[in-house]
Amino acid sequence: MRRLIIPQKMSNSGSIHDIASDQYDRIVYFRSPTKYVVILAAYYGDIHTTHSTEALAIQAAKRHGDYSLSIIDYDGVFYDIAYDFDGPCLVANPDIAEEIV
């Protein structure tokens, strides 16, 4: 089982949109065949859902569309939702640099 650790950030740093908590490390476990996690900002609590396919991760992100969230795969790559002729898809976002273990 793989895990993704989002290290605790320093108190009173960043914004409420950060996925890192200022209280504790956030740990996500990827049980087989899970590949993606939709994780809400730490401001909302330790809320995340894991998904085995890109389509399921997109559906979960849309359900939480009013919240600040991130989609991350088990390798720590961040994704954005893009729309093409076939509908929504995930596109890697190299601009996001969170400290992921």
PDB file of N, CA and C in Angstrom:
ATOM      1  N   MET A   1       0.849  -1.174   0.000  1.00  0.00           N
ATOM      2  CA  MET A   1       0.000   0.000   0.000  1.00  0.00           C
ATOM      3  C   MET A   1       0.898   1.241   0.000  1.00  0.00           C
ATOM      4  N   ARG A   2       0.630   2.126  -0.936  1.00  0.00           N
ATOM      5  CA  ARG A   2       1.391   3.376  -1.009  1.00  0.00           C
ATOM      6  C   ARG A   2       0.722   4.420  -0.144  1.00  0.00           C
ATOM      7  N   ARG A   3       1.511   5.389   0.271  1.00  0.00           N
ATOM      8  CA  ARG A   3       0.945   6.493   1.036  1.00  0.00           C
ATOM      9  C   ARG A   3       1.559   7.803   0.574  1.00  0.00           C
ATOM     10  N   LEU A   4       0.793   8.830   0.732  1.00  0.00           N
ATOM     11  CA  LEU A   4       1.192  10.188   0.375  1.00  0.00           C
ATOM     12  C   LEU A   4       1.162  10.992   1.662  1.00  0.00           C
ATOM     13  N   ILE A   5       2.280  11.601   2.017  1.00  0.00           N
ATOM     14  CA  ILE A   5       2.361  12.393   3.237  1.00  0.00           C
ATOM     15  C   ILE A   5       2.514  13.862   2.861  1.00  0.00           C
ATOM     16  N   ILE A   6       1.599  14.666   3.353  1.00  0.00           N
ATOM     17  CA  ILE A   6       1.666  16.112   3.144  1.00  0.00           C
ATOM     18  C   ILE A   6       2.129  16.702   4.468  1.00  0.00           C
ATOM     19  N   PRO A   7       3.390  17.142   4.535  1.00  0.00           N
ATOM     20  CA  PRO A   7       3.955  17.603   5.807  1.00  0.00           C
ATOM     21  C   PRO A   7       3.225  18.817   6.380  1.00  0.00           C
ATOM     22  N   GLN A   8       3.223  18.879   7.677  1.00  0.00           N
ATOM     23  CA  GLN A   8       2.628  20.005   8.402  1.00  0.00           C
ATOM     24  C   GLN A   8       3.331  21.292   8.004  1.00  0.00           C
ATOM     25  N   LYS A   9       2.560  22.359   7.816  1.00  0.00           N
ATOM     26  CA  LYS A   9       3.159  23.657   7.508  1.00  0.00           C
ATOM     27  C   LYS A   9       3.300  24.455   8.808  1.00  0.00           C
ATOM     28  N   MET A  10       4.114  25.464   8.773  1.00  0.00           N
ATOM     29  CA  MET A  10       4.309  26.309   9.945  1.00  0.00           C
ATOM     30  C   MET A  10       3.015  27.085  10.234  1.00  0.00           C
ATOM     31  N   SER A  11       2.702  27.219  11.493  1.00  0.00           N
ATOM     32  CA  SER A  11       1.479  27.912  11.902  1.00  0.00           C
ATOM     33  C   SER A  11       1.479  29.356  11.399  1.00  0.00           C
ATOM     34  N   ASN A  12       0.298  29.841  11.022  1.00  0.00           N
ATOM     35  CA  ASN A  12       0.097  31.196  10.518  1.00  0.00           C
ATOM     36  C   ASN A  12       0.885  31.488   9.248  1.00  0.00           C
ATOM     37  N   SER A  13       1.082  30.460   8.425  1.00  0.00           N
ATOM     38  CA  SER A  13       1.734  30.672   7.131  1.00  0.00           C
ATOM     39  C   SER A  13       0.820  30.141   6.038  1.00  0.00           C
ATOM     40  N   GLY A  14       0.960  30.662   4.846  1.00  0.00           N
ATOM     41  CA  GLY A  14       0.135  30.213   3.733  1.00  0.00           C
ATOM     42  C   GLY A  14      -1.251  30.817   3.770  1.00  0.00           C
ATOM     43  N   SER A  15      -2.190  30.099   3.191  1.00  0.00           N
ATOM     44  CA  SER A  15      -3.566  30.585   3.129  1.00  0.00           C
ATOM     45  C   SER A  15      -4.529  29.456   3.471  1.00  0.00           C
ATOM     46  N   ILE A  16      -5.801  29.773   3.527  1.00  0.00           N
ATOM     47  CA  ILE A  16      -6.792  28.744   3.836  1.00  0.00           C
ATOM     48  C   ILE A  16      -6.972  27.776   2.675  1.00  0.00           C
ATOM     49  N   HIS A  17      -6.377  28.049   1.533  1.00  0.00           N
ATOM     50  CA  HIS A  17      -6.487  27.176   0.368  1.00  0.00           C
ATOM     51  C   HIS A  17      -5.391  26.115   0.328  1.00  0.00           C
ATOM     52  N   ASP A  18      -4.445  26.132   1.259  1.00  0.00           N
ATOM     53  CA  ASP A  18      -3.363  25.146   1.297  1.00  0.00           C
ATOM     54  C   ASP A  18      -3.897  23.774   1.688  1.00  0.00           C
ATOM     55  N   ILE A  19      -3.328  22.732   1.083  1.00  0.00           N
ATOM     56  CA  ILE A  19      -3.719  21.382   1.478  1.00  0.00           C
ATOM     57  C   ILE A  19      -2.937  20.922   2.704  1.00  0.00           C
ATOM     58  N   ALA A  20      -1.848  21.602   3.029  1.00  0.00           N
ATOM     59  CA  ALA A  20      -1.062  21.268   4.219  1.00  0.00           C
ATOM     60  C   ALA A  20      -1.707  21.889   5.453  1.00  0.00           C
ATOM     61  N   SER A  21      -1.796  21.106   6.502  1.00  0.00           N
ATOM     62  CA  SER A  21      -2.373  21.572   7.762  1.00  0.00           C
ATOM     63  C   SER A  21      -1.295  22.208   8.627  1.00  0.00           C
ATOM     64  N   ASP A  22      -1.671  23.167   9.461  1.00  0.00           N
ATOM     65  CA  ASP A  22      -0.711  23.724  10.410  1.00  0.00           C
ATOM     66  C   ASP A  22      -0.785  22.988  11.746  1.00  0.00           C
ATOM     67  N   GLN A  23      -1.564  21.910  11.815  1.00  0.00           N
ATOM     68  CA  GLN A  23      -1.735  21.156  13.054  1.00  0.00           C
ATOM     69  C   GLN A  23      -1.061  19.781  13.019  1.00  0.00           C
ATOM     70  N   TYR A  24      -0.982  19.150  11.826  1.00  0.00           N
ATOM     71  CA  TYR A  24      -0.462  17.794  11.735  1.00  0.00           C
ATOM     72  C   TYR A  24      -0.134  17.463  10.280  1.00  0.00           C
ATOM     73  N   ASP A  25       0.642  16.384  10.090  1.00  0.00           N
ATOM     74  CA  ASP A  25       0.878  15.857   8.750  1.00  0.00           C
ATOM     75  C   ASP A  25      -0.411  15.222   8.251  1.00  0.00           C
ATOM     76  N   ARG A  26      -0.709  15.410   6.988  1.00  0.00           N
ATOM     77  CA  ARG A  26      -1.870  14.731   6.394  1.00  0.00           C
ATOM     78  C   ARG A  26      -1.363  13.520   5.635  1.00  0.00           C
ATOM     79  N   ILE A  27      -1.959  12.370   5.889  1.00  0.00           N
ATOM     80  CA  ILE A  27      -1.530  11.119   5.274  1.00  0.00           C
ATOM     81  C   ILE A  27      -2.691  10.522   4.496  1.00  0.00           C
ATOM     82  N   VAL A  28      -2.414  10.177   3.245  1.00  0.00           N
ATOM     83  CA  VAL A  28      -3.402   9.527   2.383  1.00  0.00           C
ATOM     84  C   VAL A  28      -2.855   8.154   2.019  1.00  0.00           C
ATOM     85  N   TYR A  29      -3.647   7.113   2.228  1.00  0.00           N
ATOM     86  CA  TYR A  29      -3.257   5.749   1.869  1.00  0.00           C
ATOM     87  C   TYR A  29      -3.910   5.362   0.553  1.00  0.00           C
ATOM     88  N   PHE A  30      -3.098   4.854  -0.361  1.00  0.00           N
ATOM     89  CA  PHE A  30      -3.588   4.398  -1.664  1.00  0.00           C
ATOM     90  C   PHE A  30      -3.660   2.882  -1.641  1.00  0.00           C
ATOM     91  N   ARG A  31      -4.839   2.349  -1.405  1.00  0.00           N
ATOM     92  CA  ARG A  31      -5.034   0.905  -1.465  1.00  0.00           C
ATOM     93  C   ARG A  31      -5.229   0.511  -2.923  1.00  0.00           C
ATOM     94  N   SER A  32      -4.803  -0.661  -3.287  1.00  0.00           N
ATOM     95  CA  SER A  32      -4.922  -1.128  -4.663  1.00  0.00           C
ATOM     96  C   SER A  32      -6.390  -1.192  -5.053  1.00  0.00           C
ATOM     97  N   PRO A  33      -6.826  -0.758  -6.186  1.00  0.00           N
ATOM     98  CA  PRO A  33      -6.124  -0.177  -7.332  1.00  0.00           C
ATOM     99  C   PRO A  33      -6.199   1.355  -7.373  1.00  0.00           C
ATOM    100  N   THR A  34      -6.301   1.987  -6.228  1.00  0.00           N
ATOM    101  CA  THR A  34      -6.448   3.436  -6.156  1.00  0.00           C
ATOM    102  C   THR A  34      -5.262   4.147  -6.794  1.00  0.00           C
ATOM    103  N   LYS A  35      -5.563   5.174  -7.587  1.00  0.00           N
ATOM    104  CA  LYS A  35      -4.503   5.936  -8.242  1.00  0.00           C
ATOM    105  C   LYS A  35      -4.571   7.434  -7.954  1.00  0.00           C
ATOM    106  N   TYR A  36      -5.766   7.978  -7.679  1.00  0.00           N
ATOM    107  CA  TYR A  36      -5.929   9.414  -7.489  1.00  0.00           C
ATOM    108  C   TYR A  36      -6.560   9.715  -6.136  1.00  0.00           C
ATOM    109  N   VAL A  37      -6.248  10.906  -5.628  1.00  0.00           N
ATOM    110  CA  VAL A  37      -6.917  11.406  -4.431  1.00  0.00           C
ATOM    111  C   VAL A  37      -7.422  12.814  -4.734  1.00  0.00           C
ATOM    112  N   VAL A  38      -8.641  13.075  -4.315  1.00  0.00           N
ATOM    113  CA  VAL A  38      -9.198  14.426  -4.356  1.00  0.00           C
ATOM    114  C   VAL A  38      -9.167  14.901  -2.911  1.00  0.00           C
ATOM    115  N   ILE A  39      -8.345  15.896  -2.642  1.00  0.00           N
ATOM    116  CA  ILE A  39      -8.106  16.327  -1.265  1.00  0.00           C
ATOM    117  C   ILE A  39      -8.518  17.785  -1.111  1.00  0.00           C
ATOM    118  N   LEU A  40      -9.367  18.034  -0.126  1.00  0.00           N
ATOM    119  CA  LEU A  40      -9.821  19.393   0.135  1.00  0.00           C
ATOM    120  C   LEU A  40      -8.780  20.139   0.957  1.00  0.00           C
ATOM    121  N   ALA A  41      -8.794  21.453   0.861  1.00  0.00           N
ATOM    122  CA  ALA A  41      -7.873  22.286   1.636  1.00  0.00           C
ATOM    123  C   ALA A  41      -8.005  21.934   3.122  1.00  0.00           C
ATOM    124  N   ALA A  42      -6.921  22.042   3.847  1.00  0.00           N
ATOM    125  CA  ALA A  42      -6.898  21.678   5.265  1.00  0.00           C
ATOM    126  C   ALA A  42      -7.881  22.506   6.088  1.00  0.00           C
ATOM    127  N   TYR A  43      -8.237  23.665   5.601  1.00  0.00           N
ATOM    128  CA  TYR A  43      -9.201  24.533   6.276  1.00  0.00           C
ATOM    129  C   TYR A  43     -10.514  23.800   6.545  1.00  0.00           C
ATOM    130  N   TYR A  44     -10.896  22.891   5.644  1.00  0.00           N
ATOM    131  CA  TYR A  44     -12.161  22.161   5.768  1.00  0.00           C
ATOM    132  C   TYR A  44     -12.043  20.912   6.640  1.00  0.00           C
ATOM    133  N   GLY A  45     -10.862  20.583   7.112  1.00  0.00           N
ATOM    134  CA  GLY A  45     -10.642  19.368   7.900  1.00  0.00           C
ATOM    135  C   GLY A  45      -9.866  18.358   7.079  1.00  0.00           C
ATOM    136  N   ASP A  46      -9.728  17.174   7.598  1.00  0.00           N
ATOM    137  CA  ASP A  46      -8.958  16.122   6.912  1.00  0.00           C
ATOM    138  C   ASP A  46      -9.890  15.346   5.988  1.00  0.00           C
ATOM    139  N   ILE A  47     -10.346  16.000   4.932  1.00  0.00           N
ATOM    140  CA  ILE A  47     -11.320  15.412   4.019  1.00  0.00           C
ATOM    141  C   ILE A  47     -10.645  15.094   2.694  1.00  0.00           C
ATOM    142  N   HIS A  48     -10.714  13.825   2.311  1.00  0.00           N
ATOM    143  CA  HIS A  48     -10.207  13.398   1.013  1.00  0.00           C
ATOM    144  C   HIS A  48     -10.927  12.124   0.583  1.00  0.00           C
ATOM    145  N   THR A  49     -10.944  11.892  -0.721  1.00  0.00           N
ATOM    146  CA  THR A  49     -11.496  10.661  -1.271  1.00  0.00           C
ATOM    147  C   THR A  49     -10.488  10.090  -2.250  1.00  0.00           C
ATOM    148  N   THR A  50     -10.385   8.770  -2.294  1.00  0.00           N
ATOM    149  CA  THR A  50      -9.461   8.118  -3.217  1.00  0.00           C
ATOM    150  C   THR A  50     -10.258   7.455  -4.334  1.00  0.00           C
ATOM    151  N   HIS A  51      -9.623   7.383  -5.523  1.00  0.00           N
ATOM    152  CA  HIS A  51     -10.322   6.895  -6.713  1.00  0.00           C
ATOM    153  C   HIS A  51      -9.385   6.091  -7.596  1.00  0.00           C
ATOM    154  N   SER A  52      -9.957   5.102  -8.273  1.00  0.00           N
ATOM    155  CA  SER A  52      -9.140   4.220  -9.109  1.00  0.00           C
ATOM    156  C   SER A  52      -9.017   4.710 -10.546  1.00  0.00           C
ATOM    157  N   THR A  53      -9.903   5.585 -10.980  1.00  0.00           N
ATOM    158  CA  THR A  53      -9.843   6.067 -12.361  1.00  0.00           C
ATOM    159  C   THR A  53      -9.896   7.590 -12.416  1.00  0.00           C
ATOM    160  N   GLU A  54      -9.447   8.096 -13.537  1.00  0.00           N
ATOM    161  CA  GLU A  54      -9.478   9.536 -13.783  1.00  0.00           C
ATOM    162  C   GLU A  54     -10.918  10.054 -13.777  1.00  0.00           C
ATOM    163  N   ALA A  55     -11.819   9.311 -14.375  1.00  0.00           N
ATOM    164  CA  ALA A  55     -13.221   9.737 -14.459  1.00  0.00           C
ATOM    165  C   ALA A  55     -13.856   9.856 -13.077  1.00  0.00           C
ATOM    166  N   LEU A  56     -13.569   8.912 -12.190  1.00  0.00           N
ATOM    167  CA  LEU A  56     -14.123   8.972 -10.836  1.00  0.00           C
ATOM    168  C   LEU A  56     -13.539  10.145 -10.051  1.00  0.00           C
ATOM    169  N   ALA A  57     -12.259  10.428 -10.252  1.00  0.00           N
ATOM    170  CA  ALA A  57     -11.630  11.569  -9.578  1.00  0.00           C
ATOM    171  C   ALA A  57     -12.249  12.882 -10.060  1.00  0.00           C
ATOM    172  N   ILE A  58     -12.536  12.970 -11.349  1.00  0.00           N
ATOM    173  CA  ILE A  58     -13.163  14.178 -11.900  1.00  0.00           C
ATOM    174  C   ILE A  58     -14.569  14.354 -11.336  1.00  0.00           C
ATOM    175  N   GLN A  59     -15.329  13.259 -11.250  1.00  0.00           N
ATOM    176  CA  GLN A  59     -16.680  13.334 -10.681  1.00  0.00           C
ATOM    177  C   GLN A  59     -16.645  13.821  -9.236  1.00  0.00           C
ATOM    178  N   ALA A  60     -15.712  13.293  -8.449  1.00  0.00           N
ATOM    179  CA  ALA A  60     -15.597  13.704  -7.045  1.00  0.00           C
ATOM    180  C   ALA A  60     -15.211  15.173  -6.942  1.00  0.00           C
ATOM    181  N   ALA A  61     -14.295  15.621  -7.794  1.00  0.00           N
ATOM    182  CA  ALA A  61     -13.882  17.025  -7.781  1.00  0.00           C
ATOM    183  C   ALA A  61     -15.055  17.932  -8.136  1.00  0.00           C
ATOM    184  N   LYS A  62     -15.876  17.501  -9.068  1.00  0.00           N
ATOM    185  CA  LYS A  62     -17.052  18.298  -9.443  1.00  0.00           C
ATOM    186  C   LYS A  62     -18.058  18.361  -8.301  1.00  0.00           C
ATOM    187  N   ARG A  63     -18.219  17.264  -7.558  1.00  0.00           N
ATOM    188  CA  ARG A  63     -19.139  17.266  -6.414  1.00  0.00           C
ATOM    189  C   ARG A  63     -18.695  18.265  -5.357  1.00  0.00           C
ATOM    190  N   HIS A  64     -17.378  18.445  -5.217  1.00  0.00           N
ATOM    191  CA  HIS A  64     -16.816  19.381  -4.240  1.00  0.00           C
ATOM    192  C   HIS A  64     -16.384  20.675  -4.917  1.00  0.00           C
ATOM    193  N   GLY A  65     -17.006  21.012  -6.013  1.00  0.00           N
ATOM    194  CA  GLY A  65     -16.592  22.143  -6.837  1.00  0.00           C
ATOM    195  C   GLY A  65     -16.569  23.492  -6.145  1.00  0.00           C
ATOM    196  N   ASP A  66     -17.363  23.656  -5.099  1.00  0.00           N
ATOM    197  CA  ASP A  66     -17.386  24.938  -4.390  1.00  0.00           C
ATOM    198  C   ASP A  66     -16.257  25.065  -3.378  1.00  0.00           C
ATOM    199  N   TYR A  67     -15.498  24.014  -3.190  1.00  0.00           N
ATOM    200  CA  TYR A  67     -14.419  24.004  -2.196  1.00  0.00           C
ATOM    201  C   TYR A  67     -13.064  24.114  -2.883  1.00  0.00           C
ATOM    202  N   SER A  68     -12.076  24.559  -2.121  1.00  0.00           N
ATOM    203  CA  SER A  68     -10.706  24.589  -2.615  1.00  0.00           C
ATOM    204  C   SER A  68     -10.147  23.175  -2.486  1.00  0.00           C
ATOM    205  N   LEU A  69      -9.701  22.605  -3.598  1.00  0.00           N
ATOM    206  CA  LEU A  69      -9.238  21.213  -3.570  1.00  0.00           C
ATOM    207  C   LEU A  69      -8.089  21.004  -4.534  1.00  0.00           C
ATOM    208  N   SER A  70      -7.463  19.836  -4.407  1.00  0.00           N
ATOM    209  CA  SER A  70      -6.403  19.420  -5.319  1.00  0.00           C
ATOM    210  C   SER A  70      -6.654  17.974  -5.715  1.00  0.00           C
ATOM    211  N   ILE A  71      -6.247  17.629  -6.932  1.00  0.00           N
ATOM    212  CA  ILE A  71      -6.263  16.245  -7.391  1.00  0.00           C
ATOM    213  C   ILE A  71      -4.805  15.829  -7.536  1.00  0.00           C
ATOM    214  N   ILE A  72      -4.443  14.745  -6.870  1.00  0.00           N
ATOM    215  CA  ILE A  72      -3.053  14.288  -6.847  1.00  0.00           C
ATOM    216  C   ILE A  72      -3.042  12.792  -7.155  1.00  0.00           C
ATOM    217  N   ASP A  73      -2.047  12.329  -7.907  1.00  0.00           N
ATOM    218  CA  ASP A  73      -1.937  10.892  -8.119  1.00  0.00           C
ATOM    219  C   ASP A  73      -0.956  10.286  -7.118  1.00  0.00           C
ATOM    220  N   TYR A  74      -0.803   8.958  -7.166  1.00  0.00           N
ATOM    221  CA  TYR A  74       0.012   8.284  -6.157  1.00  0.00           C
ATOM    222  C   TYR A  74       1.499   8.570  -6.296  1.00  0.00           C
ATOM    223  N   ASP A  75       1.910   9.226  -7.376  1.00  0.00           N
ATOM    224  CA  ASP A  75       3.307   9.649  -7.524  1.00  0.00           C
ATOM    225  C   ASP A  75       3.525  11.079  -7.041  1.00  0.00           C
ATOM    226  N   GLY A  76       2.461  11.746  -6.572  1.00  0.00           N
ATOM    227  CA  GLY A  76       2.583  13.107  -6.072  1.00  0.00           C
ATOM    228  C   GLY A  76       2.415  14.181  -7.130  1.00  0.00           C
ATOM    229  N   VAL A  77       1.932  13.805  -8.321  1.00  0.00           N
ATOM    230  CA  VAL A  77       1.719  14.763  -9.404  1.00  0.00           C
ATOM    231  C   VAL A  77       0.352  15.423  -9.220  1.00  0.00           C
ATOM    232  N   PHE A  78       0.318  16.747  -9.307  1.00  0.00           N
ATOM    233  CA  PHE A  78      -0.929  17.511  -9.195  1.00  0.00           C
ATOM    234  C   PHE A  78      -1.583  17.636 -10.567  1.00  0.00           C
ATOM    235  N   TYR A  79      -2.914  17.634 -10.578  1.00  0.00           N
ATOM    236  CA  TYR A  79      -3.664  17.707 -11.836  1.00  0.00           C
ATOM    237  C   TYR A  79      -4.712  18.813 -11.787  1.00  0.00           C
ATOM    238  N   ASP A  80      -5.002  19.344 -12.970  1.00  0.00           N
ATOM    239  CA  ASP A  80      -6.112  20.268 -13.182  1.00  0.00           C
ATOM    240  C   ASP A  80      -7.115  19.571 -14.089  1.00  0.00           C
ATOM    241  N   ILE A  81      -8.361  19.978 -14.016  1.00  0.00           N
ATOM    242  CA  ILE A  81      -9.369  19.450 -14.922  1.00  0.00           C
ATOM    243  C   ILE A  81      -9.397  20.342 -16.164  1.00  0.00           C
ATOM    244  N   ALA A  82      -9.243  19.714 -17.325  1.00  0.00           N
ATOM    245  CA  ALA A  82      -9.313  20.426 -18.602  1.00  0.00           C
ATOM    246  C   ALA A  82     -10.465  19.828 -19.410  1.00  0.00           C
ATOM    247  N   TYR A  83     -10.937  20.571 -20.371  1.00  0.00           N
ATOM    248  CA  TYR A  83     -12.048  20.109 -21.195  1.00  0.00           C
ATOM    249  C   TYR A  83     -11.606  20.070 -22.650  1.00  0.00           C
ATOM    250  N   ASP A  84     -11.833  18.922 -23.292  1.00  0.00           N
ATOM    251  CA  ASP A  84     -11.549  18.805 -24.717  1.00  0.00           C
ATOM    252  C   ASP A  84     -12.796  18.273 -25.410  1.00  0.00           C
ATOM    253  N   PHE A  85     -12.671  17.825 -26.642  1.00  0.00           N
ATOM    254  CA  PHE A  85     -13.838  17.371 -27.409  1.00  0.00           C
ATOM    255  C   PHE A  85     -14.503  16.138 -26.802  1.00  0.00           C
ATOM    256  N   ASP A  86     -13.741  15.351 -26.051  1.00  0.00           N
ATOM    257  CA  ASP A  86     -14.283  14.135 -25.438  1.00  0.00           C
ATOM    258  C   ASP A  86     -14.838  14.378 -24.042  1.00  0.00           C
ATOM    259  N   GLY A  87     -14.781  15.616 -23.567  1.00  0.00           N
ATOM    260  CA  GLY A  87     -15.264  15.932 -22.228  1.00  0.00           C
ATOM    261  C   GLY A  87     -14.106  16.244 -21.288  1.00  0.00           C
ATOM    262  N   PRO A  88     -14.362  16.192 -19.986  1.00  0.00           N
ATOM    263  CA  PRO A  88     -13.308  16.553 -19.027  1.00  0.00           C
ATOM    264  C   PRO A  88     -12.211  15.493 -18.950  1.00  0.00           C
ATOM    265  N   CYS A  89     -10.989  15.963 -18.705  1.00  0.00           N
ATOM    266  CA  CYS A  89      -9.852  15.069 -18.508  1.00  0.00           C
ATOM    267  C   CYS A  89      -8.874  15.746 -17.543  1.00  0.00           C
ATOM    268  N   LEU A  90      -7.960  14.964 -17.004  1.00  0.00           N
ATOM    269  CA  LEU A  90      -6.958  15.505 -16.089  1.00  0.00           C
ATOM    270  C   LEU A  90      -5.692  15.854 -16.855  1.00  0.00           C
ATOM    271  N   VAL A  91      -5.127  17.011 -16.533  1.00  0.00           N
ATOM    272  CA  VAL A  91      -3.881  17.474 -17.141  1.00  0.00           C
ATOM    273  C   VAL A  91      -2.918  17.805 -16.016  1.00  0.00           C
ATOM    274  N   ALA A  92      -1.703  17.248 -16.086  1.00  0.00           N
ATOM    275  CA  ALA A  92      -0.697  17.499 -15.054  1.00  0.00           C
ATOM    276  C   ALA A  92      -0.388  18.980 -14.968  1.00  0.00           C
ATOM    277  N   ASN A  93      -0.248  19.483 -13.737  1.00  0.00           N
ATOM    278  CA  ASN A  93       0.041  20.894 -13.505  1.00  0.00           C
ATOM    279  C   ASN A  93       1.441  21.013 -12.887  1.00  0.00           C
ATOM    280  N   PRO A  94       2.454  21.303 -13.696  1.00  0.00           N
ATOM    281  CA  PRO A  94       3.815  21.381 -13.175  1.00  0.00           C
ATOM    282  C   PRO A  94       4.079  22.647 -12.354  1.00  0.00           C
ATOM    283  N   ASP A  95       3.149  23.605 -12.373  1.00  0.00           N
ATOM    284  CA  ASP A  95       3.347  24.857 -11.650  1.00  0.00           C
ATOM    285  C   ASP A  95       3.122  24.728 -10.151  1.00  0.00           C
ATOM    286  N   ILE A  96       2.419  23.673  -9.738  1.00  0.00           N
ATOM    287  CA  ILE A  96       2.161  23.493  -8.312  1.00  0.00           C
ATOM    288  C   ILE A  96       3.296  22.720  -7.695  1.00  0.00           C
ATOM    289  N   ALA A  97       3.887  23.304  -6.666  1.00  0.00           N
ATOM    290  CA  ALA A  97       5.025  22.660  -6.003  1.00  0.00           C
ATOM    291  C   ALA A  97       4.753  22.586  -4.504  1.00  0.00           C
ATOM    292  N   GLU A  98       4.066  21.536  -4.100  1.00  0.00           N
ATOM    293  CA  GLU A  98       3.856  21.279  -2.663  1.00  0.00           C
ATOM    294  C   GLU A  98       4.918  20.281  -2.238  1.00  0.00           C
ATOM    295  N   GLU A  99       5.244  20.301  -0.978  1.00  0.00           N
ATOM    296  CA  GLU A  99       6.207  19.333  -0.469  1.00  0.00           C
ATOM    297  C   GLU A  99       5.452  18.049  -0.138  1.00  0.00           C
ATOM    298  N   ILE A 100       5.631  17.063  -0.989  1.00  0.00           N
ATOM    299  CA  ILE A 100       4.971  15.766  -0.848  1.00  0.00           C
ATOM    300  C   ILE A 100       6.040  14.711  -0.613  1.00  0.00           C
ATOM    301  N   VAL A 101       5.777  13.838   0.336  1.00  0.00           N
ATOM    302  CA  VAL A 101       6.725  12.756   0.635  1.00  0.00           C
ATOM    303  C   VAL A 101       6.179  11.467   0.088  1.00  0.00           C
TER     304      VAL A 101
END
